[in-house]
Protein backbone atom coordinates (compact mmCIF):
# COMPACT_ATOMS: atom_id res chain seq x y z
CA MET A 1 -16.14 18.95 55.10
CA SER A 2 -17.55 19.50 51.65
CA HIS A 3 -17.03 21.59 48.57
CA GLN A 4 -19.99 23.19 46.79
CA VAL A 5 -19.53 22.84 43.03
CA TYR A 6 -21.48 22.94 39.79
CA LEU A 7 -21.69 19.53 38.13
CA SER A 8 -24.37 18.03 35.92
CA LEU A 9 -24.81 15.82 32.89
CA GLN A 10 -24.79 19.06 30.89
CA GLU A 11 -21.47 20.38 32.24
CA ARG A 12 -18.86 18.07 33.69
CA SER A 13 -15.67 20.14 33.49
CA ALA A 14 -15.40 20.06 37.31
CA GLU A 15 -14.29 16.46 36.79
CA TYR A 16 -10.95 17.63 35.39
CA GLU A 17 -9.54 18.98 38.65
CA ILE A 18 -12.16 19.82 41.27
CA VAL A 19 -13.62 16.32 41.65
CA PRO A 20 -10.26 14.51 41.72
CA SER A 21 -8.79 16.99 44.22
CA ALA A 22 -11.87 16.67 46.46
CA LEU A 23 -11.56 12.88 46.35
CA GLU A 24 -7.85 13.06 47.09
CA GLU A 25 -8.45 15.32 50.09
CA GLY A 26 -11.49 13.42 51.37
CA LEU A 27 -13.94 16.25 50.72
CA GLY A 28 -17.56 15.57 49.90
CA LEU A 29 -19.11 17.31 46.91
CA LEU A 30 -22.33 19.27 47.38
CA ILE A 31 -23.70 19.87 43.88
CA TRP A 32 -25.59 23.06 43.00
CA SER A 33 -27.91 23.29 39.99
CA PRO A 34 -27.81 19.52 39.42
CA LEU A 35 -30.45 19.82 36.68
CA ALA A 36 -28.48 22.56 34.87
CA GLY A 37 -31.08 25.25 35.37
CA GLY A 38 -33.79 22.79 34.28
CA LEU A 39 -32.03 21.65 31.11
CA MET A 40 -31.87 18.09 32.47
CA SER A 41 -35.56 18.04 33.45
CA GLY A 42 -36.73 16.76 30.06
CA LYS A 43 -38.81 19.84 29.26
CA TYR A 44 -36.29 21.16 26.73
CA ARG A 45 -36.17 19.22 23.47
CA ARG A 46 -34.16 19.42 20.29
CA GLY A 47 -35.78 21.61 17.65
CA GLN A 48 -38.51 22.88 19.98
CA ASP A 49 -38.94 26.26 21.60
CA ALA A 50 -38.42 26.40 25.34
CA PRO A 51 -41.70 26.08 27.24
CA PRO A 52 -43.27 29.46 28.08
CA GLY A 53 -42.43 30.76 31.53
CA THR A 54 -39.19 28.81 31.85
CA ARG A 55 -35.80 30.41 32.41
CA HIS A 56 -34.39 29.31 29.09
CA ALA A 57 -37.36 30.83 27.23
CA SER A 58 -35.91 34.23 28.14
CA GLU A 59 -32.40 35.63 27.93
CA TRP A 60 -31.16 33.18 30.59
CA ASP A 61 -27.74 31.92 29.61
CA GLU A 62 -26.57 30.02 32.64
CA PRO A 63 -25.26 27.44 32.53
CA PRO A 64 -23.68 28.21 29.17
CA ILE A 65 -24.30 25.70 26.41
CA TYR A 66 -21.10 25.05 24.48
CA ASP A 67 -22.34 22.13 22.41
CA ALA A 68 -26.08 22.09 21.72
CA ASP A 69 -25.93 18.75 19.89
CA LYS A 70 -24.24 17.07 22.85
CA LEU A 71 -26.78 18.67 25.20
CA TYR A 72 -29.75 17.34 23.23
CA ASP A 73 -28.10 13.94 22.73
CA THR A 74 -27.79 13.75 26.53
CA ILE A 75 -31.40 14.84 27.03
CA GLU A 76 -32.58 12.16 24.58
CA VAL A 77 -30.74 9.43 26.51
CA LEU A 78 -32.17 10.77 29.79
CA ILE A 79 -35.68 10.62 28.33
CA GLU A 80 -35.19 7.08 26.96
CA ILE A 81 -33.98 5.79 30.32
CA ALA A 82 -36.71 7.67 32.21
CA GLU A 83 -39.49 6.36 29.96
CA ALA A 84 -38.19 2.79 30.26
CA ARG A 85 -38.17 3.16 34.07
CA GLY A 86 -41.46 5.06 34.36
CA VAL A 87 -39.76 7.99 36.10
CA SER A 88 -38.93 11.54 35.13
CA PRO A 89 -35.75 12.57 33.30
CA ALA A 90 -34.97 14.79 36.30
CA GLN A 91 -34.96 11.74 38.58
CA VAL A 92 -32.54 9.95 36.26
CA ALA A 93 -30.22 12.98 36.08
CA LEU A 94 -30.24 13.35 39.87
CA ALA A 95 -29.73 9.62 40.46
CA TRP A 96 -26.74 9.68 38.09
CA LEU A 97 -25.21 12.53 40.07
CA LEU A 98 -25.88 10.89 43.42
CA GLY A 99 -23.96 7.86 42.17
CA ARG A 100 -20.86 9.84 41.16
CA PRO A 101 -17.64 9.52 43.15
CA GLY A 102 -17.48 11.99 46.02
CA VAL A 103 -20.99 13.39 45.58
CA THR A 104 -22.61 13.53 49.00
CA SER A 105 -25.71 15.54 48.15
CA VAL A 106 -27.35 17.85 45.64
CA ILE A 107 -29.02 21.22 46.09
CA ILE A 108 -32.33 21.07 44.28
CA GLY A 109 -34.22 24.15 43.19
CA ALA A 110 -37.77 22.92 42.95
CA ARG A 111 -40.35 25.66 42.39
CA THR A 112 -43.43 23.54 43.06
CA GLU A 113 -44.41 20.77 45.48
CA GLU A 114 -44.70 18.42 42.50
CA GLN A 115 -41.12 19.17 41.41
CA LEU A 116 -39.90 18.73 44.98
CA ALA A 117 -41.58 15.33 45.34
CA ASP A 118 -40.25 14.24 41.96
CA ASN A 119 -36.71 15.38 42.77
CA LEU A 120 -36.71 13.69 46.18
CA ALA A 121 -37.76 10.38 44.58
CA ALA A 122 -34.38 10.32 42.83
CA ALA A 123 -32.74 9.41 46.14
CA SER A 124 -34.22 5.90 45.90
CA LEU A 125 -33.56 5.40 42.19
CA GLU A 126 -30.57 3.19 41.44
CA LEU A 127 -29.43 3.18 37.84
CA SER A 128 -28.14 0.00 36.26
CA ALA A 129 -24.55 -0.26 35.06
CA GLU A 130 -25.82 -0.11 31.47
CA GLU A 131 -27.88 3.03 32.13
CA THR A 132 -24.97 4.68 33.89
CA ALA A 133 -22.64 3.76 31.02
CA ARG A 134 -25.04 5.25 28.46
CA LEU A 135 -25.20 8.53 30.38
CA GLU A 136 -21.44 8.50 30.87
CA LEU A 137 -20.78 7.99 27.18
CA VAL A 138 -23.17 10.67 25.91
CA SER A 139 -22.16 13.36 28.40
CA ARG A 140 -18.47 12.67 28.99
CA PRO A 141 -16.17 15.64 28.50
CA PRO A 142 -13.25 15.11 26.13
CA LEU A 143 -10.07 14.02 27.86
CA ILE A 144 -7.68 16.93 27.76
CA TYR A 145 -3.98 16.74 28.49
CA PRO A 146 -2.62 15.33 30.78
CA TYR A 147 -5.57 12.96 31.28
CA TRP A 148 -5.43 11.23 27.89
CA HIS A 149 -1.68 10.77 28.37
CA HIS A 150 -2.13 9.31 31.87
CA ARG A 151 -4.70 6.85 30.58
CA LYS A 152 -2.36 5.70 27.82
CA THR A 153 0.89 5.58 29.81
CA ALA A 154 0.03 5.09 33.48
CA SER A 155 -3.28 3.25 33.58
CA ASP A 156 -1.85 0.71 36.04
CA ARG A 157 -0.90 3.43 38.53
CA LEU A 158 -4.03 5.61 38.66
CA SER A 159 -5.34 6.71 42.06
CA PRO A 160 -9.05 6.73 42.96
CA ALA A 161 -8.99 10.46 42.20
CA ASP A 162 -7.58 9.79 38.71
CA LEU A 163 -10.11 7.04 38.13
CA SER A 164 -12.99 9.45 38.76
CA LEU A 165 -12.38 10.90 35.29
CA ILE A 166 -10.17 8.52 33.32
CA GLY A 167 -10.84 5.18 34.91
CA PRO A 168 -10.82 1.82 33.20
CA HIS A 169 -14.62 1.99 32.89
CA LEU A 170 -14.22 4.54 30.10
CA GLU A 171 -13.65 3.57 26.51
CA ALA A 172 -10.56 4.91 24.76
C-alpha cells in the first residue's frame, strides 16, 4: 500500500504528520510534483524572470511559495551540488527525495524526452551524507509544537516515525 502525497525540497510540511503516520503504518510514499512544478529544476533563479514558456512565467501559483528567500537558498544549494557532481539540479532534488524515509517512488512530469532521461538518471544518483545534510539544513521546515518539545524532552524515546522529522541528525 502507498499514500500519494506532495513533498519536495520546496515544501516539506507533509513531514509534520503525513510522513510519520505513513512510516508508523508501513505505508510507502508516492510523491507527486517532486520538482515543485519545476521550481527545483534549476531553471528558476533569484532575481531573474522565469524563463519564457514555463508555468511560473504565467499566473501559475502552485505550489505556493511562502518564503521566496528560502526557496532560492535551496535552489542555490541544489545548483552547487549539481555542478560539483556534473548532473542537473533536478537529478539532485529527485535523488534527495528518493533517499527520504518511506519514499518508494516519485511521479515525474517530464514534458520532453530530454527531461525524462534526465529525471530517470536520478534513480542511480546517491548523494553523500554531506550533500544530504546541506539540502536538509537549507530546506528544513521549522519544528512546530509538539516536535520541538519532543526533541528537547524525549529524544531518547523517539520512534522511527518521529525520527523522520526530528531525528538526532538534525541540529537544534
